[in-house]
Amino acid sequence: MSEQTTGRAGIDIPDSRGRTGLDRTGLDLDRNPRVRVRAVELLASGWHVLRKTTLDYQDSDGEWATQHRETYDRGNGATVLLYDAELRTVLLTRQFRFPVYVNDHPDGMLVETAAGLLDDDDPETAIRREAEEETGVTIGRVEHVFDVYMSPGSVTERLHFFAAPYDAATRTGDRGGLAEEGEDIEIVELGIDEARQWIRDGRIQDAKTIMLLQWSLLEGPFAARG
């Protein structure tokens, strides 16, 4: 009779992605003396990880209080605004996003800048990969714009923002994405003035896309030069 395994996936036996020790993240943090992490509970470890952390926090009056925080860890990511400064165009994507569909978006078809998770790559390598997979465009020089925690109340992700020129002649078609990952991506090319109007009328509602488009108009390739 074989011995029965009693461990839990993601803690002491590998989960579907080969990870263990997922219940220890944060226990060794000591960068802030006003925070003491006491315990971490692994709630779920599907493709991404949901944890409940118990911590003691010292407020500005010196009083300590125990808090409980749930965090969703999906890894860090990168995004890039592809632009043609001469033609004053940007290259975006449109794809179905169920989370926005279930939260009042008309059809769930969100217009976005190319983006993806880093996986095991550095941010610049990752965004070159994602840009080519999603738009069919191979980019050359990239500019780092800024890094942002997009939803710091509950999601750990830090998103690295980039911008890069593209050549419309290098496009390989009007659709992108990896079929094996269930991606079905439409490529959308807009004039920057049209893109700005899409923000105003709600056709663009994605935060990272709005941030990069606004940057392009204020400081980037479409900014007025005095």
Protein backbone atom coordinates (compact mmCIF):
# COMPACT_ATOMS: atom_id res chain seq x y z
CA MET A 1 0.00 0.00 0.00
CA SER A 2 1.51 3.34 -1.06
CA GLU A 3 2.06 6.13 1.42
CA GLN A 4 -0.49 8.93 0.99
CA THR A 5 0.81 12.47 0.42
CA THR A 6 -0.68 14.92 2.89
CA GLY A 7 1.16 18.09 1.85
CA ARG A 8 -0.51 21.08 0.24
CA ALA A 9 0.29 22.31 -3.25
CA GLY A 10 2.28 25.52 -3.24
CA ILE A 11 3.42 25.08 0.36
CA ASP A 12 5.42 21.88 0.83
CA ILE A 13 4.72 20.16 -2.48
CA PRO A 14 4.95 21.82 -5.93
CA ASP A 15 1.82 23.39 -7.36
CA SER A 16 0.91 23.31 -11.07
CA ARG A 17 3.74 25.75 -11.82
CA GLY A 18 6.30 23.93 -9.67
CA ARG A 19 6.25 26.43 -6.79
CA THR A 20 6.62 25.76 -3.06
CA GLY A 21 6.92 28.03 -0.03
CA LEU A 22 4.19 30.37 -1.24
CA ASP A 23 3.04 30.81 2.35
CA ARG A 24 6.34 32.46 3.38
CA THR A 25 6.31 35.55 1.18
CA GLY A 26 6.72 38.65 3.34
CA LEU A 27 7.74 36.92 6.57
CA ASP A 28 11.34 38.14 6.26
CA LEU A 29 10.54 41.78 5.44
CA ASP A 30 12.22 44.26 7.79
CA ARG A 31 12.65 47.41 5.68
CA ASN A 32 9.96 49.27 7.61
CA PRO A 33 10.33 49.13 11.44
CA ARG A 34 6.66 50.04 11.82
CA VAL A 35 5.57 46.79 10.13
CA ARG A 36 5.88 43.30 11.60
CA VAL A 37 4.57 40.46 9.47
CA ARG A 38 3.26 37.72 11.76
CA ALA A 39 1.67 35.08 9.52
CA VAL A 40 0.89 34.32 5.88
CA GLU A 41 -1.97 32.07 4.79
CA LEU A 42 -2.09 30.72 1.24
CA LEU A 43 -5.70 31.03 0.06
CA ALA A 44 -5.25 29.96 -3.57
CA SER A 45 -2.44 29.11 -5.95
CA GLY A 46 -3.83 28.66 -9.42
CA TRP A 47 -1.93 30.45 -12.16
CA HIS A 48 -1.53 33.39 -9.76
CA VAL A 49 -1.43 33.51 -5.96
CA LEU A 50 -3.87 34.82 -3.34
CA ARG A 51 -2.60 35.26 0.23
CA LYS A 52 -3.98 36.52 3.54
CA THR A 53 -1.29 38.20 5.65
CA THR A 54 -1.55 39.10 9.33
CA LEU A 55 0.69 42.00 10.35
CA ASP A 56 1.20 44.48 13.15
CA TYR A 57 1.35 48.14 12.09
CA GLN A 58 2.49 51.08 14.22
CA ASP A 59 0.53 54.24 13.45
CA SER A 60 1.79 57.83 13.62
CA ASP A 61 0.82 58.03 17.32
CA GLY A 62 3.04 55.07 18.15
CA GLU A 63 0.17 52.66 18.74
CA TRP A 64 0.38 49.11 17.39
CA ALA A 65 -2.62 47.42 15.80
CA THR A 66 -3.08 44.06 14.10
CA GLN A 67 -4.24 44.16 10.48
CA HIS A 68 -5.23 41.53 7.93
CA ARG A 69 -4.53 42.06 4.24
CA GLU A 70 -5.38 39.91 1.22
CA THR A 71 -2.96 40.29 -1.68
CA TYR A 72 -3.22 38.99 -5.24
CA ASP A 73 0.19 38.19 -6.74
CA ARG A 74 0.20 37.81 -10.52
CA GLY A 75 3.85 38.76 -11.03
CA ASN A 76 5.18 41.99 -12.51
CA GLY A 77 4.52 43.17 -16.05
CA ALA A 78 5.46 45.59 -18.80
CA THR A 79 3.61 47.67 -21.36
CA VAL A 80 4.67 49.75 -24.36
CA LEU A 81 3.19 52.58 -26.41
CA LEU A 82 4.06 52.03 -30.07
CA TYR A 83 4.07 55.33 -31.97
CA ASP A 84 4.96 56.89 -35.31
CA ALA A 85 5.97 60.47 -34.58
CA GLU A 86 5.94 61.52 -38.25
CA LEU A 87 2.52 60.11 -39.06
CA ARG A 88 1.26 60.99 -35.53
CA THR A 89 -0.20 57.51 -35.04
CA VAL A 90 -0.19 54.92 -32.25
CA LEU A 91 -0.58 51.15 -32.49
CA LEU A 92 -2.94 49.64 -29.93
CA THR A 93 -4.73 46.33 -29.43
CA ARG A 94 -8.33 45.29 -28.80
CA GLN A 95 -9.14 42.03 -27.01
CA PHE A 96 -11.80 40.51 -24.77
CA ARG A 97 -11.28 41.01 -21.03
CA PHE A 98 -13.80 39.14 -18.90
CA PRO A 99 -13.12 41.10 -15.66
CA VAL A 100 -14.19 44.37 -17.31
CA TYR A 101 -17.11 42.65 -19.09
CA VAL A 102 -18.49 41.45 -15.76
CA ASN A 103 -18.07 44.98 -14.34
CA ASP A 104 -20.28 47.00 -16.70
CA HIS A 105 -18.06 47.34 -19.79
CA PRO A 106 -20.43 47.10 -22.80
CA ASP A 107 -18.79 44.15 -24.57
CA GLY A 108 -15.53 43.46 -22.74
CA MET A 109 -13.47 44.37 -25.84
CA LEU A 110 -10.82 46.60 -24.27
CA VAL A 111 -8.48 48.86 -26.26
CA GLU A 112 -4.99 48.70 -24.79
CA THR A 113 -1.29 49.19 -25.30
CA ALA A 114 0.64 45.95 -25.85
CA ALA A 115 1.47 44.39 -22.49
CA GLY A 116 2.28 41.17 -20.67
CA LEU A 117 3.86 39.57 -17.65
CA LEU A 118 7.63 39.49 -17.29
CA ASP A 119 7.75 35.77 -16.50
CA ASP A 120 11.51 35.13 -16.10
CA ASP A 121 12.65 38.00 -18.36
CA ASP A 122 13.84 41.52 -17.55
CA PRO A 123 11.26 44.25 -18.38
CA GLU A 124 12.80 45.37 -21.69
CA THR A 125 13.19 41.81 -23.01
CA ALA A 126 9.63 41.00 -21.95
CA ILE A 127 8.07 44.01 -23.65
CA ARG A 128 9.91 43.36 -26.90
CA ARG A 129 8.49 39.83 -26.83
CA GLU A 130 4.96 40.97 -26.02
CA ALA A 131 4.95 43.74 -28.64
CA GLU A 132 5.89 41.28 -31.36
CA GLU A 133 3.42 38.62 -30.19
CA GLU A 134 0.49 41.04 -29.87
CA THR A 135 1.07 43.41 -32.80
CA GLY A 136 3.43 41.58 -35.17
CA VAL A 137 5.84 44.52 -34.98
CA THR A 138 9.51 44.11 -34.09
CA ILE A 139 10.65 47.19 -32.18
CA GLY A 140 14.13 48.63 -31.97
CA ARG A 141 14.98 51.38 -29.51
CA VAL A 142 12.76 51.51 -26.44
CA GLU A 143 12.41 54.31 -23.91
CA HIS A 144 11.66 53.59 -20.26
CA VAL A 145 8.93 55.97 -19.12
CA PHE A 146 8.08 55.05 -15.50
CA ASP A 147 7.16 52.16 -13.17
CA VAL A 148 3.75 52.06 -11.48
CA TYR A 149 1.90 49.99 -8.87
CA MET A 150 -1.45 49.86 -10.62
CA SER A 151 -3.74 48.69 -7.79
CA PRO A 152 -1.71 48.93 -4.56
CA GLY A 153 -4.61 48.22 -2.22
CA SER A 154 -4.73 44.54 -3.14
CA VAL A 155 -2.56 43.64 -6.17
CA THR A 156 1.22 43.33 -5.82
CA GLU A 157 2.00 43.89 -9.52
CA ARG A 158 4.47 46.60 -10.56
CA LEU A 159 4.09 47.57 -14.21
CA HIS A 160 7.06 48.85 -16.23
CA PHE A 161 6.05 51.42 -18.85
CA PHE A 162 7.91 51.87 -22.14
CA ALA A 163 7.50 53.71 -25.44
CA ALA A 164 8.98 52.78 -28.80
CA PRO A 165 8.68 53.94 -32.40
CA TYR A 166 7.26 51.50 -34.92
CA ASP A 167 7.33 51.25 -38.68
CA ALA A 168 3.93 50.46 -40.17
CA ALA A 169 5.68 48.72 -43.06
CA THR A 170 6.90 45.99 -40.69
CA ARG A 171 3.39 44.96 -39.64
CA THR A 172 2.51 41.39 -40.56
CA GLY A 173 -1.28 41.65 -40.39
CA ASP A 174 -4.32 43.03 -38.56
CA ARG A 175 -4.45 40.42 -35.81
CA GLY A 176 -2.02 39.20 -33.18
CA GLY A 177 -1.67 37.01 -30.10
CA LEU A 178 -0.74 33.41 -29.44
CA ALA A 179 -3.49 30.93 -30.27
CA GLU A 180 -2.07 28.39 -27.81
CA GLU A 181 -2.63 30.93 -25.02
CA GLY A 182 -6.18 31.65 -26.14
CA GLU A 183 -5.30 35.13 -27.42
CA ASP A 184 -7.39 36.71 -30.17
CA ILE A 185 -6.11 40.25 -30.60
CA GLU A 186 -7.20 42.91 -33.08
CA ILE A 187 -4.60 45.55 -33.96
CA VAL A 188 -5.91 49.13 -33.84
CA GLU A 189 -4.00 52.00 -35.45
CA LEU A 190 -5.18 55.48 -34.45
CA GLY A 191 -4.09 59.05 -34.99
CA ILE A 192 -3.06 60.57 -31.67
CA ASP A 193 -5.87 63.14 -31.84
CA GLU A 194 -8.37 60.35 -32.42
CA ALA A 195 -6.89 58.38 -29.52
CA ARG A 196 -7.32 61.40 -27.28
CA GLN A 197 -10.98 61.64 -28.33
CA TRP A 198 -11.42 57.93 -27.55
CA ILE A 199 -10.28 58.65 -23.99
CA ARG A 200 -12.80 61.47 -23.70
CA ASP A 201 -15.76 59.49 -25.01
CA GLY A 202 -14.92 56.27 -23.14
CA ARG A 203 -13.82 54.06 -26.01
CA ILE A 204 -10.44 53.82 -24.26
CA GLN A 205 -10.88 52.95 -20.56
CA ASP A 206 -7.68 51.05 -19.79
CA ALA A 207 -5.50 52.80 -17.19
CA LYS A 208 -2.06 51.94 -18.57
CA THR A 209 -3.12 53.02 -22.06
CA ILE A 210 -4.51 56.35 -20.88
CA MET A 211 -1.35 57.01 -18.87
CA LEU A 212 0.95 56.37 -21.82
CA LEU A 213 -1.19 58.36 -24.25
CA GLN A 214 -1.28 61.32 -21.86
CA TRP A 215 2.49 61.06 -21.39
CA SER A 216 2.99 61.05 -25.17
CA LEU A 217 1.06 64.32 -25.42
CA LEU A 218 2.63 66.02 -22.40
CA GLU A 219 6.26 64.91 -22.57
CA GLY A 220 6.64 62.28 -25.27
CA PRO A 221 6.68 62.18 -29.06
CA PHE A 222 3.51 64.27 -29.54
CA ALA A 223 4.29 66.98 -26.98
CA ALA A 224 4.28 70.58 -28.20
CA ARG A 225 7.83 71.86 -28.54
CA GLY A 226 8.33 75.48 -27.49
